mmCIF file of all heavy atoms, coordinates in Angstrom:
data_MODEL
# 
_entry.id   MODEL 
# 
loop_
_atom_site.group_PDB 
_atom_site.id 
_atom_site.type_symbol 
_atom_site.label_atom_id 
_atom_site.label_alt_id 
_atom_site.label_comp_id 
_atom_site.label_asym_id 
_atom_site.label_entity_id 
_atom_site.label_seq_id 
_atom_site.pdbx_PDB_ins_code 
_atom_site.Cartn_x 
_atom_site.Cartn_y 
_atom_site.Cartn_z 
_atom_site.occupancy 
_atom_site.B_iso_or_equiv 
_atom_site.pdbx_formal_charge 
_atom_site.auth_seq_id 
_atom_site.auth_comp_id 
_atom_site.auth_asym_id 
_atom_site.auth_atom_id 
_atom_site.pdbx_PDB_model_num 
ATOM 1   N N   . ALA A 1 1  ? 0.832  -1.210  0.000  1.00 0.00 ? 1  ALA A N   1 
ATOM 2   C CA  . ALA A 1 1  ? 0.000  0.000   0.000  1.00 0.00 ? 1  ALA A CA  1 
ATOM 3   C C   . ALA A 1 1  ? 0.862  1.254   0.000  1.00 0.00 ? 1  ALA A C   1 
ATOM 4   O O   . ALA A 1 1  ? 0.539  2.248   -0.646 1.00 0.00 ? 1  ALA A O   1 
ATOM 5   C CB  . ALA A 1 1  ? -0.932 -0.006  1.207  1.00 0.00 ? 1  ALA A CB  1 
ATOM 6   N N   . ALA A 1 2  ? 1.989  1.206   0.731  1.00 0.00 ? 2  ALA A N   1 
ATOM 7   C CA  . ALA A 1 2  ? 2.883  2.368   0.799  1.00 0.00 ? 2  ALA A CA  1 
ATOM 8   C C   . ALA A 1 2  ? 3.906  2.372   -0.333 1.00 0.00 ? 2  ALA A C   1 
ATOM 9   O O   . ALA A 1 2  ? 4.620  3.358   -0.500 1.00 0.00 ? 2  ALA A O   1 
ATOM 10  C CB  . ALA A 1 2  ? 3.618  2.364   2.142  1.00 0.00 ? 2  ALA A CB  1 
ATOM 11  N N   . ARG A 1 3  ? 4.000  1.270   -1.069 1.00 0.00 ? 3  ARG A N   1 
ATOM 12  C CA  . ARG A 1 3  ? 4.974  1.124   -2.153 1.00 0.00 ? 3  ARG A CA  1 
ATOM 13  C C   . ARG A 1 3  ? 6.404  1.296   -1.629 1.00 0.00 ? 3  ARG A C   1 
ATOM 14  O O   . ARG A 1 3  ? 7.251  1.895   -2.260 1.00 0.00 ? 3  ARG A O   1 
ATOM 15  C CB  . ARG A 1 3  ? 4.688  2.128   -3.273 1.00 0.00 ? 3  ARG A CB  1 
ATOM 16  C CG  . ARG A 1 3  ? 3.346  1.937   -3.942 1.00 0.00 ? 3  ARG A CG  1 
ATOM 17  C CD  . ARG A 1 3  ? 3.014  3.064   -4.897 1.00 0.00 ? 3  ARG A CD  1 
ATOM 18  N NE  . ARG A 1 3  ? 4.021  3.207   -5.941 1.00 0.00 ? 3  ARG A NE  1 
ATOM 19  C CZ  . ARG A 1 3  ? 3.993  4.165   -6.870 1.00 0.00 ? 3  ARG A CZ  1 
ATOM 20  N NH1 . ARG A 1 3  ? 3.038  5.054   -6.862 1.00 0.00 ? 3  ARG A NH1 1 
ATOM 21  N NH2 . ARG A 1 3  ? 4.935  4.235   -7.781 1.00 0.00 ? 3  ARG A NH2 1 
ATOM 22  N N   . ARG A 1 4  ? 6.675  0.704   -0.455 1.00 0.00 ? 4  ARG A N   1 
ATOM 23  C CA  . ARG A 1 4  ? 8.002  0.832   0.158  1.00 0.00 ? 4  ARG A CA  1 
ATOM 24  C C   . ARG A 1 4  ? 8.424  -0.520  0.731  1.00 0.00 ? 4  ARG A C   1 
ATOM 25  O O   . ARG A 1 4  ? 7.928  -0.953  1.762  1.00 0.00 ? 4  ARG A O   1 
ATOM 26  C CB  . ARG A 1 4  ? 7.997  1.901   1.252  1.00 0.00 ? 4  ARG A CB  1 
ATOM 27  C CG  . ARG A 1 4  ? 7.769  3.304   0.735  1.00 0.00 ? 4  ARG A CG  1 
ATOM 28  C CD  . ARG A 1 4  ? 7.681  4.305   1.863  1.00 0.00 ? 4  ARG A CD  1 
ATOM 29  N NE  . ARG A 1 4  ? 8.900  4.349   2.671  1.00 0.00 ? 4  ARG A NE  1 
ATOM 30  C CZ  . ARG A 1 4  ? 9.018  5.078   3.782  1.00 0.00 ? 4  ARG A CZ  1 
ATOM 31  N NH1 . ARG A 1 4  ? 7.997  5.802   4.202  1.00 0.00 ? 4  ARG A NH1 1 
ATOM 32  N NH2 . ARG A 1 4  ? 10.148 5.070   4.454  1.00 0.00 ? 4  ARG A NH2 1 
ATOM 33  N N   . THR A 1 5  ? 9.343  -1.178  0.035  1.00 0.00 ? 5  THR A N   1 
ATOM 34  C CA  . THR A 1 5  ? 9.809  -2.485  0.491  1.00 0.00 ? 5  THR A CA  1 
ATOM 35  C C   . THR A 1 5  ? 10.488 -2.409  1.847  1.00 0.00 ? 5  THR A C   1 
ATOM 36  O O   . THR A 1 5  ? 10.436 -3.360  2.630  1.00 0.00 ? 5  THR A O   1 
ATOM 37  C CB  . THR A 1 5  ? 10.795 -3.091  -0.520 1.00 0.00 ? 5  THR A CB  1 
ATOM 38  O OG1 . THR A 1 5  ? 11.885 -2.181  -0.707 1.00 0.00 ? 5  THR A OG1 1 
ATOM 39  C CG2 . THR A 1 5  ? 10.127 -3.343  -1.866 1.00 0.00 ? 5  THR A CG2 1 
ATOM 40  N N   . GLU A 1 6  ? 11.122 -1.258  2.168  1.00 0.00 ? 6  GLU A N   1 
ATOM 41  C CA  . GLU A 1 6  ? 11.881 -1.165  3.418  1.00 0.00 ? 6  GLU A CA  1 
ATOM 42  C C   . GLU A 1 6  ? 10.997 -1.205  4.653  1.00 0.00 ? 6  GLU A C   1 
ATOM 43  O O   . GLU A 1 6  ? 11.492 -1.409  5.763  1.00 0.00 ? 6  GLU A O   1 
ATOM 44  C CB  . GLU A 1 6  ? 12.748 0.102   3.434  1.00 0.00 ? 6  GLU A CB  1 
ATOM 45  C CG  . GLU A 1 6  ? 11.992 1.414   3.471  1.00 0.00 ? 6  GLU A CG  1 
ATOM 46  C CD  . GLU A 1 6  ? 11.685 1.969   2.098  1.00 0.00 ? 6  GLU A CD  1 
ATOM 47  O OE1 . GLU A 1 6  ? 11.648 1.173   1.133  1.00 0.00 ? 6  GLU A OE1 1 
ATOM 48  O OE2 . GLU A 1 6  ? 11.466 3.187   1.984  1.00 0.00 ? 6  GLU A OE2 1 
ATOM 49  N N   . LEU A 1 7  ? 9.681  -1.014  4.485  1.00 0.00 ? 7  LEU A N   1 
ATOM 50  C CA  . LEU A 1 7  ? 8.787  -1.108  5.632  1.00 0.00 ? 7  LEU A CA  1 
ATOM 51  C C   . LEU A 1 7  ? 8.756  -2.517  6.225  1.00 0.00 ? 7  LEU A C   1 
ATOM 52  O O   . LEU A 1 7  ? 8.360  -2.701  7.373  1.00 0.00 ? 7  LEU A O   1 
ATOM 53  C CB  . LEU A 1 7  ? 7.367  -0.696  5.236  1.00 0.00 ? 7  LEU A CB  1 
ATOM 54  C CG  . LEU A 1 7  ? 7.134  0.785   4.937  1.00 0.00 ? 7  LEU A CG  1 
ATOM 55  C CD1 . LEU A 1 7  ? 5.669  1.026   4.637  1.00 0.00 ? 7  LEU A CD1 1 
ATOM 56  C CD2 . LEU A 1 7  ? 7.572  1.649   6.105  1.00 0.00 ? 7  LEU A CD2 1 
ATOM 57  N N   . LEU A 1 8  ? 9.205  -3.486  5.453  1.00 0.00 ? 8  LEU A N   1 
ATOM 58  C CA  . LEU A 1 8  ? 9.219  -4.862  5.936  1.00 0.00 ? 8  LEU A CA  1 
ATOM 59  C C   . LEU A 1 8  ? 10.348 -5.110  6.933  1.00 0.00 ? 8  LEU A C   1 
ATOM 60  O O   . LEU A 1 8  ? 10.266 -6.024  7.752  1.00 0.00 ? 8  LEU A O   1 
ATOM 61  C CB  . LEU A 1 8  ? 9.367  -5.830  4.754  1.00 0.00 ? 8  LEU A CB  1 
ATOM 62  C CG  . LEU A 1 8  ? 8.225  -5.817  3.729  1.00 0.00 ? 8  LEU A CG  1 
ATOM 63  C CD1 . LEU A 1 8  ? 8.649  -6.543  2.472  1.00 0.00 ? 8  LEU A CD1 1 
ATOM 64  C CD2 . LEU A 1 8  ? 6.984  -6.458  4.318  1.00 0.00 ? 8  LEU A CD2 1 
ATOM 65  N N   . ASP A 1 9  ? 11.408 -4.311  6.861  1.00 0.00 ? 9  ASP A N   1 
ATOM 66  C CA  . ASP A 1 9  ? 12.626 -4.610  7.610  1.00 0.00 ? 9  ASP A CA  1 
ATOM 67  C C   . ASP A 1 9  ? 12.375 -4.671  9.110  1.00 0.00 ? 9  ASP A C   1 
ATOM 68  O O   . ASP A 1 9  ? 12.797 -5.620  9.789  1.00 0.00 ? 9  ASP A O   1 
ATOM 69  C CB  . ASP A 1 9  ? 13.708 -3.571  7.309  1.00 0.00 ? 9  ASP A CB  1 
ATOM 70  C CG  . ASP A 1 9  ? 14.152 -3.601  5.856  1.00 0.00 ? 9  ASP A CG  1 
ATOM 71  O OD1 . ASP A 1 9  ? 13.626 -4.444  5.091  1.00 0.00 ? 9  ASP A OD1 1 
ATOM 72  O OD2 . ASP A 1 9  ? 15.015 -2.782  5.482  1.00 0.00 ? 9  ASP A OD2 1 
ATOM 73  N N   . GLU A 1 10 ? 11.724 -3.631  9.653  1.00 0.00 ? 10 GLU A N   1 
ATOM 74  C CA  . GLU A 1 10 ? 11.540 -3.570  11.091 1.00 0.00 ? 10 GLU A CA  1 
ATOM 75  C C   . GLU A 1 10 ? 10.684 -4.729  11.585 1.00 0.00 ? 10 GLU A C   1 
ATOM 76  O O   . GLU A 1 10 ? 10.918 -5.278  12.668 1.00 0.00 ? 10 GLU A O   1 
ATOM 77  C CB  . GLU A 1 10 ? 10.896 -2.229  11.474 1.00 0.00 ? 10 GLU A CB  1 
ATOM 78  C CG  . GLU A 1 10 ? 10.928 -1.934  12.959 1.00 0.00 ? 10 GLU A CG  1 
ATOM 79  C CD  . GLU A 1 10 ? 12.334 -1.736  13.484 1.00 0.00 ? 10 GLU A CD  1 
ATOM 80  O OE1 . GLU A 1 10 ? 13.228 -1.309  12.719 1.00 0.00 ? 10 GLU A OE1 1 
ATOM 81  O OE2 . GLU A 1 10 ? 12.551 -2.037  14.674 1.00 0.00 ? 10 GLU A OE2 1 
ATOM 82  N N   . GLN A 1 11 ? 9.702  -5.127  10.782 1.00 0.00 ? 11 GLN A N   1 
ATOM 83  C CA  . GLN A 1 11 ? 8.842  -6.244  11.171 1.00 0.00 ? 11 GLN A CA  1 
ATOM 84  C C   . GLN A 1 11 ? 9.620  -7.554  11.183 1.00 0.00 ? 11 GLN A C   1 
ATOM 85  O O   . GLN A 1 11 ? 9.422  -8.399  12.062 1.00 0.00 ? 11 GLN A O   1 
ATOM 86  C CB  . GLN A 1 11 ? 7.648  -6.339  10.210 1.00 0.00 ? 11 GLN A CB  1 
ATOM 87  C CG  . GLN A 1 11 ? 6.807  -5.087  10.137 1.00 0.00 ? 11 GLN A CG  1 
ATOM 88  C CD  . GLN A 1 11 ? 6.128  -4.764  11.445 1.00 0.00 ? 11 GLN A CD  1 
ATOM 89  O OE1 . GLN A 1 11 ? 5.924  -5.641  12.271 1.00 0.00 ? 11 GLN A OE1 1 
ATOM 90  N NE2 . GLN A 1 11 ? 5.788  -3.508  11.655 1.00 0.00 ? 11 GLN A NE2 1 
ATOM 91  N N   . ILE A 1 12 ? 10.524 -7.718  10.213 1.00 0.00 ? 12 ILE A N   1 
ATOM 92  C CA  . ILE A 1 12 ? 11.343 -8.930  10.186 1.00 0.00 ? 12 ILE A CA  1 
ATOM 93  C C   . ILE A 1 12 ? 12.259 -8.979  11.409 1.00 0.00 ? 12 ILE A C   1 
ATOM 94  O O   . ILE A 1 12 ? 12.416 -10.020 12.061 1.00 0.00 ? 12 ILE A O   1 
ATOM 95  C CB  . ILE A 1 12 ? 12.174 -8.985  8.889  1.00 0.00 ? 12 ILE A CB  1 
ATOM 96  C CG1 . ILE A 1 12 ? 11.259 -9.005  7.652  1.00 0.00 ? 12 ILE A CG1 1 
ATOM 97  C CG2 . ILE A 1 12 ? 13.085 -10.214 8.896  1.00 0.00 ? 12 ILE A CG2 1 
ATOM 98  C CD1 . ILE A 1 12 ? 10.354 -10.187 7.558  1.00 0.00 ? 12 ILE A CD1 1 
ATOM 99  N N   . LEU A 1 13 ? 12.869 -7.847  11.721 1.00 0.00 ? 13 LEU A N   1 
ATOM 100 C CA  . LEU A 1 13 ? 13.755 -7.795  12.886 1.00 0.00 ? 13 LEU A CA  1 
ATOM 101 C C   . LEU A 1 13 ? 12.979 -8.106  14.168 1.00 0.00 ? 13 LEU A C   1 
ATOM 102 O O   . LEU A 1 13 ? 13.460 -8.828  15.049 1.00 0.00 ? 13 LEU A O   1 
ATOM 103 C CB  . LEU A 1 13 ? 14.414 -6.417  12.979 1.00 0.00 ? 13 LEU A CB  1 
ATOM 104 C CG  . LEU A 1 13 ? 15.386 -6.073  11.840 1.00 0.00 ? 13 LEU A CG  1 
ATOM 105 C CD1 . LEU A 1 13 ? 15.823 -4.617  11.948 1.00 0.00 ? 13 LEU A CD1 1 
ATOM 106 C CD2 . LEU A 1 13 ? 16.593 -6.992  11.861 1.00 0.00 ? 13 LEU A CD2 1 
ATOM 107 N N   . TRP A 1 14 ? 11.778 -7.530  14.270 1.00 0.00 ? 14 TRP A N   1 
ATOM 108 C CA  . TRP A 1 14 ? 10.946 -7.807  15.443 1.00 0.00 ? 14 TRP A CA  1 
ATOM 109 C C   . TRP A 1 14 ? 10.597 -9.289  15.515 1.00 0.00 ? 14 TRP A C   1 
ATOM 110 O O   . TRP A 1 14 ? 10.646 -9.905  16.591 1.00 0.00 ? 14 TRP A O   1 
ATOM 111 C CB  . TRP A 1 14 ? 9.667  -6.977  15.390 1.00 0.00 ? 14 TRP A CB  1 
ATOM 112 C CG  . TRP A 1 14 ? 8.732  -7.279  16.523 1.00 0.00 ? 14 TRP A CG  1 
ATOM 113 C CD1 . TRP A 1 14 ? 8.758  -6.750  17.773 1.00 0.00 ? 14 TRP A CD1 1 
ATOM 114 C CD2 . TRP A 1 14 ? 7.628  -8.207  16.505 1.00 0.00 ? 14 TRP A CD2 1 
ATOM 115 N NE1 . TRP A 1 14 ? 7.744  -7.282  18.540 1.00 0.00 ? 14 TRP A NE1 1 
ATOM 116 C CE2 . TRP A 1 14 ? 7.040  -8.180  17.785 1.00 0.00 ? 14 TRP A CE2 1 
ATOM 117 C CE3 . TRP A 1 14 ? 7.098  -9.052  15.534 1.00 0.00 ? 14 TRP A CE3 1 
ATOM 118 C CZ2 . TRP A 1 14 ? 5.937  -8.958  18.113 1.00 0.00 ? 14 TRP A CZ2 1 
ATOM 119 C CZ3 . TRP A 1 14 ? 5.996  -9.836  15.858 1.00 0.00 ? 14 TRP A CZ3 1 
ATOM 120 C CH2 . TRP A 1 14 ? 5.431  -9.779  17.139 1.00 0.00 ? 14 TRP A CH2 1 
ATOM 121 N N   . GLY A 1 15 ? 10.255 -9.881  14.389 1.00 0.00 ? 15 GLY A N   1 
ATOM 122 C CA  . GLY A 1 15 ? 9.915  -11.296 14.363 1.00 0.00 ? 15 GLY A CA  1 
ATOM 123 C C   . GLY A 1 15 ? 11.050 -12.174 14.846 1.00 0.00 ? 15 GLY A C   1 
ATOM 124 O O   . GLY A 1 15 ? 10.847 -13.168 15.548 1.00 0.00 ? 15 GLY A O   1 
ATOM 125 N N   . ASN A 1 16 ? 12.274 -11.802 14.494 1.00 0.00 ? 16 ASN A N   1 
ATOM 126 C CA  . ASN A 1 16 ? 13.431 -12.584 14.931 1.00 0.00 ? 16 ASN A CA  1 
ATOM 127 C C   . ASN A 1 16 ? 13.683 -12.464 16.424 1.00 0.00 ? 16 ASN A C   1 
ATOM 128 O O   . ASN A 1 16 ? 14.309 -13.336 17.023 1.00 0.00 ? 16 ASN A O   1 
ATOM 129 C CB  . ASN A 1 16 ? 14.675 -12.165 14.147 1.00 0.00 ? 16 ASN A CB  1 
ATOM 130 C CG  . ASN A 1 16 ? 14.761 -12.838 12.789 1.00 0.00 ? 16 ASN A CG  1 
ATOM 131 O OD1 . ASN A 1 16 ? 15.381 -13.885 12.642 1.00 0.00 ? 16 ASN A OD1 1 
ATOM 132 N ND2 . ASN A 1 16 ? 14.120 -12.244 11.788 1.00 0.00 ? 16 ASN A ND2 1 
ATOM 133 N N   . GLU A 1 17 ? 13.221 -11.369 17.023 1.00 0.00 ? 17 GLU A N   1 
ATOM 134 C CA  . GLU A 1 17 ? 13.323 -11.236 18.470 1.00 0.00 ? 17 GLU A CA  1 
ATOM 135 C C   . GLU A 1 17 ? 12.208 -12.008 19.174 1.00 0.00 ? 17 GLU A C   1 
ATOM 136 O O   . GLU A 1 17 ? 12.419 -12.610 20.232 1.00 0.00 ? 17 GLU A O   1 
ATOM 137 C CB  . GLU A 1 17 ? 13.250 -9.766  18.868 1.00 0.00 ? 17 GLU A CB  1 
ATOM 138 C CG  . GLU A 1 17 ? 14.454 -8.947  18.437 1.00 0.00 ? 17 GLU A CG  1 
ATOM 139 C CD  . GLU A 1 17 ? 14.337 -7.491  18.856 1.00 0.00 ? 17 GLU A CD  1 
ATOM 140 O OE1 . GLU A 1 17 ? 13.304 -7.143  19.464 1.00 0.00 ? 17 GLU A OE1 1 
ATOM 141 O OE2 . GLU A 1 17 ? 15.251 -6.717  18.563 1.00 0.00 ? 17 GLU A OE2 1 
ATOM 142 N N   . ARG A 1 18 ? 11.016 -12.001 18.582 1.00 0.00 ? 18 ARG A N   1 
ATOM 143 C CA  . ARG A 1 18 ? 9.841  -12.556 19.260 1.00 0.00 ? 18 ARG A CA  1 
ATOM 144 C C   . ARG A 1 18 ? 9.645  -14.053 19.009 1.00 0.00 ? 18 ARG A C   1 
ATOM 145 O O   . ARG A 1 18 ? 9.339  -14.810 19.928 1.00 0.00 ? 18 ARG A O   1 
ATOM 146 C CB  . ARG A 1 18 ? 8.597  -11.798 18.780 1.00 0.00 ? 18 ARG A CB  1 
ATOM 147 C CG  . ARG A 1 18 ? 7.288  -12.297 19.384 1.00 0.00 ? 18 ARG A CG  1 
ATOM 148 C CD  . ARG A 1 18 ? 7.226  -11.970 20.875 1.00 0.00 ? 18 ARG A CD  1 
ATOM 149 N NE  . ARG A 1 18 ? 6.035  -12.519 21.495 1.00 0.00 ? 18 ARG A NE  1 
ATOM 150 C CZ  . ARG A 1 18 ? 5.949  -13.732 22.036 1.00 0.00 ? 18 ARG A CZ  1 
ATOM 151 N NH1 . ARG A 1 18 ? 6.997  -14.547 22.022 1.00 0.00 ? 18 ARG A NH1 1 
ATOM 152 N NH2 . ARG A 1 18 ? 4.830  -14.142 22.601 1.00 0.00 ? 18 ARG A NH2 1 
ATOM 153 N N   . GLN A 1 19 ? 9.828  -14.496 17.784 1.00 0.00 ? 19 GLN A N   1 
ATOM 154 C CA  . GLN A 1 19 ? 9.440  -15.848 17.406 1.00 0.00 ? 19 GLN A CA  1 
ATOM 155 C C   . GLN A 1 19 ? 10.174 -16.954 18.165 1.00 0.00 ? 19 GLN A C   1 
ATOM 156 O O   . GLN A 1 19 ? 9.564  -17.981 18.470 1.00 0.00 ? 19 GLN A O   1 
ATOM 157 C CB  . GLN A 1 19 ? 9.628  -16.047 15.894 1.00 0.00 ? 19 GLN A CB  1 
ATOM 158 C CG  . GLN A 1 19 ? 8.631  -15.274 15.047 1.00 0.00 ? 19 GLN A CG  1 
ATOM 159 C CD  . GLN A 1 19 ? 7.269  -15.949 14.999 1.00 0.00 ? 19 GLN A CD  1 
ATOM 160 O OE1 . GLN A 1 19 ? 6.663  -16.242 16.021 1.00 0.00 ? 19 GLN A OE1 1 
ATOM 161 N NE2 . GLN A 1 19 ? 6.801  -16.195 13.792 1.00 0.00 ? 19 GLN A NE2 1 
ATOM 162 N N   . PRO A 1 20 ? 11.480 -16.790 18.483 1.00 0.00 ? 20 PRO A N   1 
ATOM 163 C CA  . PRO A 1 20 ? 12.127 -17.873 19.241 1.00 0.00 ? 20 PRO A CA  1 
ATOM 164 C C   . PRO A 1 20 ? 11.433 -18.183 20.562 1.00 0.00 ? 20 PRO A C   1 
ATOM 165 O O   . PRO A 1 20 ? 11.484 -19.329 21.037 1.00 0.00 ? 20 PRO A O   1 
ATOM 166 C CB  . PRO A 1 20 ? 13.547 -17.332 19.464 1.00 0.00 ? 20 PRO A CB  1 
ATOM 167 C CG  . PRO A 1 20 ? 13.781 -16.445 18.278 1.00 0.00 ? 20 PRO A CG  1 
ATOM 168 C CD  . PRO A 1 20 ? 12.458 -15.786 18.034 1.00 0.00 ? 20 PRO A CD  1 
ATOM 169 N N   . HIS A 1 21 ? 10.761 -17.200 21.154 1.00 0.00 ? 21 HIS A N   1 
ATOM 170 C CA  . HIS A 1 21 ? 10.018 -17.458 22.390 1.00 0.00 ? 21 HIS A CA  1 
ATOM 171 C C   . HIS A 1 21 ? 8.820  -18.364 22.143 1.00 0.00 ? 21 HIS A C   1 
ATOM 172 O O   . HIS A 1 21 ? 8.298  -18.983 23.075 1.00 0.00 ? 21 HIS A O   1 
ATOM 173 C CB  . HIS A 1 21 ? 9.546  -16.137 23.007 1.00 0.00 ? 21 HIS A CB  1 
ATOM 174 C CG  . HIS A 1 21 ? 10.676 -15.236 23.422 1.00 0.00 ? 21 HIS A CG  1 
ATOM 175 N ND1 . HIS A 1 21 ? 11.468 -15.479 24.517 1.00 0.00 ? 21 HIS A ND1 1 
ATOM 176 C CD2 . HIS A 1 21 ? 11.169 -14.106 22.844 1.00 0.00 ? 21 HIS A CD2 1 
ATOM 177 C CE1 . HIS A 1 21 ? 12.378 -14.530 24.634 1.00 0.00 ? 21 HIS A CE1 1 
ATOM 178 N NE2 . HIS A 1 21 ? 12.224 -13.690 23.628 1.00 0.00 ? 21 HIS A NE2 1 
ATOM 179 N N   . ASP A 1 22 ? 8.372  -18.428 20.884 1.00 0.00 ? 22 ASP A N   1 
ATOM 180 C CA  . ASP A 1 22 ? 7.265  -19.309 20.520 1.00 0.00 ? 22 ASP A CA  1 
ATOM 181 C C   . ASP A 1 22 ? 7.752  -20.630 19.940 1.00 0.00 ? 22 ASP A C   1 
ATOM 182 O O   . ASP A 1 22 ? 6.960  -21.423 19.430 1.00 0.00 ? 22 ASP A O   1 
ATOM 183 C CB  . ASP A 1 22 ? 6.355  -18.621 19.494 1.00 0.00 ? 22 ASP A CB  1 
ATOM 184 C CG  . ASP A 1 22 ? 5.653  -17.408 20.079 1.00 0.00 ? 22 ASP A CG  1 
ATOM 185 O OD1 . ASP A 1 22 ? 5.368  -17.429 21.282 1.00 0.00 ? 22 ASP A OD1 1 
ATOM 186 O OD2 . ASP A 1 22 ? 5.412  -16.441 19.329 1.00 0.00 ? 22 ASP A OD2 1 
ATOM 187 N N   . GLY A 1 23 ? 9.069  -20.863 19.975 1.00 0.00 ? 23 GLY A N   1 
ATOM 188 C CA  . GLY A 1 23 ? 9.620  -22.105 19.435 1.00 0.00 ? 23 GLY A CA  1 
ATOM 189 C C   . GLY A 1 23 ? 9.913  -22.058 17.958 1.00 0.00 ? 23 GLY A C   1 
ATOM 190 O O   . GLY A 1 23 ? 10.132 -23.109 17.335 1.00 0.00 ? 23 GLY A O   1 
ATOM 191 N N   . VAL A 1 24 ? 9.934  -20.868 17.352 1.00 0.00 ? 24 VAL A N   1 
ATOM 192 C CA  . VAL A 1 24 ? 10.210 -20.728 15.923 1.00 0.00 ? 24 VAL A CA  1 
ATOM 193 C C   . VAL A 1 24 ? 11.608 -20.120 15.778 1.00 0.00 ? 24 VAL A C   1 
ATOM 194 O O   . VAL A 1 24 ? 11.845 -18.967 16.140 1.00 0.00 ? 24 VAL A O   1 
ATOM 195 C CB  . VAL A 1 24 ? 9.170  -19.823 15.234 1.00 0.00 ? 24 VAL A CB  1 
ATOM 196 C CG1 . VAL A 1 24 ? 9.509  -19.683 13.744 1.00 0.00 ? 24 VAL A CG1 1 
ATOM 197 C CG2 . VAL A 1 24 ? 7.770  -20.392 15.409 1.00 0.00 ? 24 VAL A CG2 1 
ATOM 198 N N   . LEU A 1 25 ? 12.529 -20.900 15.252 1.00 0.00 ? 25 LEU A N   1 
ATOM 199 C CA  . LEU A 1 25 ? 13.905 -20.436 15.104 1.00 0.00 ? 25 LEU A CA  1 
ATOM 200 C C   . LEU A 1 25 ? 14.059 -19.593 13.835 1.00 0.00 ? 25 LEU A C   1 
ATOM 201 O O   . LEU A 1 25 ? 13.252 -19.710 12.895 1.00 0.00 ? 25 LEU A O   1 
ATOM 202 C CB  . LEU A 1 25 ? 14.856 -21.633 15.047 1.00 0.00 ? 25 LEU A CB  1 
ATOM 203 C CG  . LEU A 1 25 ? 14.856 -22.543 16.281 1.00 0.00 ? 25 LEU A CG  1 
ATOM 204 C CD1 . LEU A 1 25 ? 15.830 -23.706 16.088 1.00 0.00 ? 25 LEU A CD1 1 
ATOM 205 C CD2 . LEU A 1 25 ? 15.202 -21.760 17.529 1.00 0.00 ? 25 LEU A CD2 1 
ATOM 206 N N   . PRO A 1 26 ? 15.091 -18.751 13.773 1.00 0.00 ? 26 PRO A N   1 
ATOM 207 C CA  . PRO A 1 26 ? 15.310 -17.941 12.561 1.00 0.00 ? 26 PRO A CA  1 
ATOM 208 C C   . PRO A 1 26 ? 15.419 -18.787 11.291 1.00 0.00 ? 26 PRO A C   1 
ATOM 209 O O   . PRO A 1 26 ? 14.957 -18.374 10.225 1.00 0.00 ? 26 PRO A O   1 
ATOM 210 C CB  . PRO A 1 26 ? 16.625 -17.210 12.867 1.00 0.00 ? 26 PRO A CB  1 
ATOM 211 C CG  . PRO A 1 26 ? 16.647 -17.089 14.353 1.00 0.00 ? 26 PRO A CG  1 
ATOM 212 C CD  . PRO A 1 26 ? 16.035 -18.362 14.855 1.00 0.00 ? 26 PRO A CD  1 
ATOM 213 N N   . GLU A 1 27 ? 16.020 -19.987 11.392 1.00 0.00 ? 27 GLU A N   1 
ATOM 214 C CA  . GLU A 1 27 ? 16.126 -20.863 10.215 1.00 0.00 ? 27 GLU A CA  1 
ATOM 215 C C   . GLU A 1 27 ? 14.744 -21.323 9.757  1.00 0.00 ? 27 GLU A C   1 
ATOM 216 O O   . GLU A 1 27 ? 14.492 -21.457 8.546  1.00 0.00 ? 27 GLU A O   1 
ATOM 217 C CB  . GLU A 1 27 ? 16.991 -22.086 10.556 1.00 0.00 ? 27 GLU A CB  1 
ATOM 218 C CG  . GLU A 1 27 ? 18.454 -21.769 10.808 1.00 0.00 ? 27 GLU A CG  1 
ATOM 219 C CD  . GLU A 1 27 ? 18.730 -21.248 12.209 1.00 0.00 ? 27 GLU A CD  1 
ATOM 220 O OE1 . GLU A 1 27 ? 17.776 -21.131 13.026 1.00 0.00 ? 27 GLU A OE1 1 
ATOM 221 O OE2 . GLU A 1 27 ? 19.899 -20.941 12.489 1.00 0.00 ? 27 GLU A OE2 1 
ATOM 222 N N   . HIS A 1 28 ? 13.850 -21.551 10.732 1.00 0.00 ? 28 HIS A N   1 
ATOM 223 C CA  . HIS A 1 28 ? 12.481 -21.943 10.376 1.00 0.00 ? 28 HIS A CA  1 
ATOM 224 C C   . HIS A 1 28 ? 11.771 -20.782 9.672  1.00 0.00 ? 28 HIS A C   1 
ATOM 225 O O   . HIS A 1 28 ? 11.021 -20.995 8.708  1.00 0.00 ? 28 HIS A O   1 
ATOM 226 C CB  . HIS A 1 28 ? 11.691 -22.333 11.631 1.00 0.00 ? 28 HIS A CB  1 
ATOM 227 C CG  . HIS A 1 28 ? 12.295 -23.474 12.387 1.00 0.00 ? 28 HIS A CG  1 
ATOM 228 N ND1 . HIS A 1 28 ? 11.991 -23.729 13.703 1.00 0.00 ? 28 HIS A ND1 1 
ATOM 229 C CD2 . HIS A 1 28 ? 13.196 -24.423 12.018 1.00 0.00 ? 28 HIS A CD2 1 
ATOM 230 C CE1 . HIS A 1 28 ? 12.665 -24.789 14.110 1.00 0.00 ? 28 HIS A CE1 1 
ATOM 231 N NE2 . HIS A 1 28 ? 13.406 -25.227 13.108 1.00 0.00 ? 28 HIS A NE2 1 
# 
């Protein structure tokens, strides 16, 4: 919607901090 690929970056970084607590590793 914003036509900006870089908006994904912060969400990916956040996911890598949060997901391991749910049992999801970065490789997964």
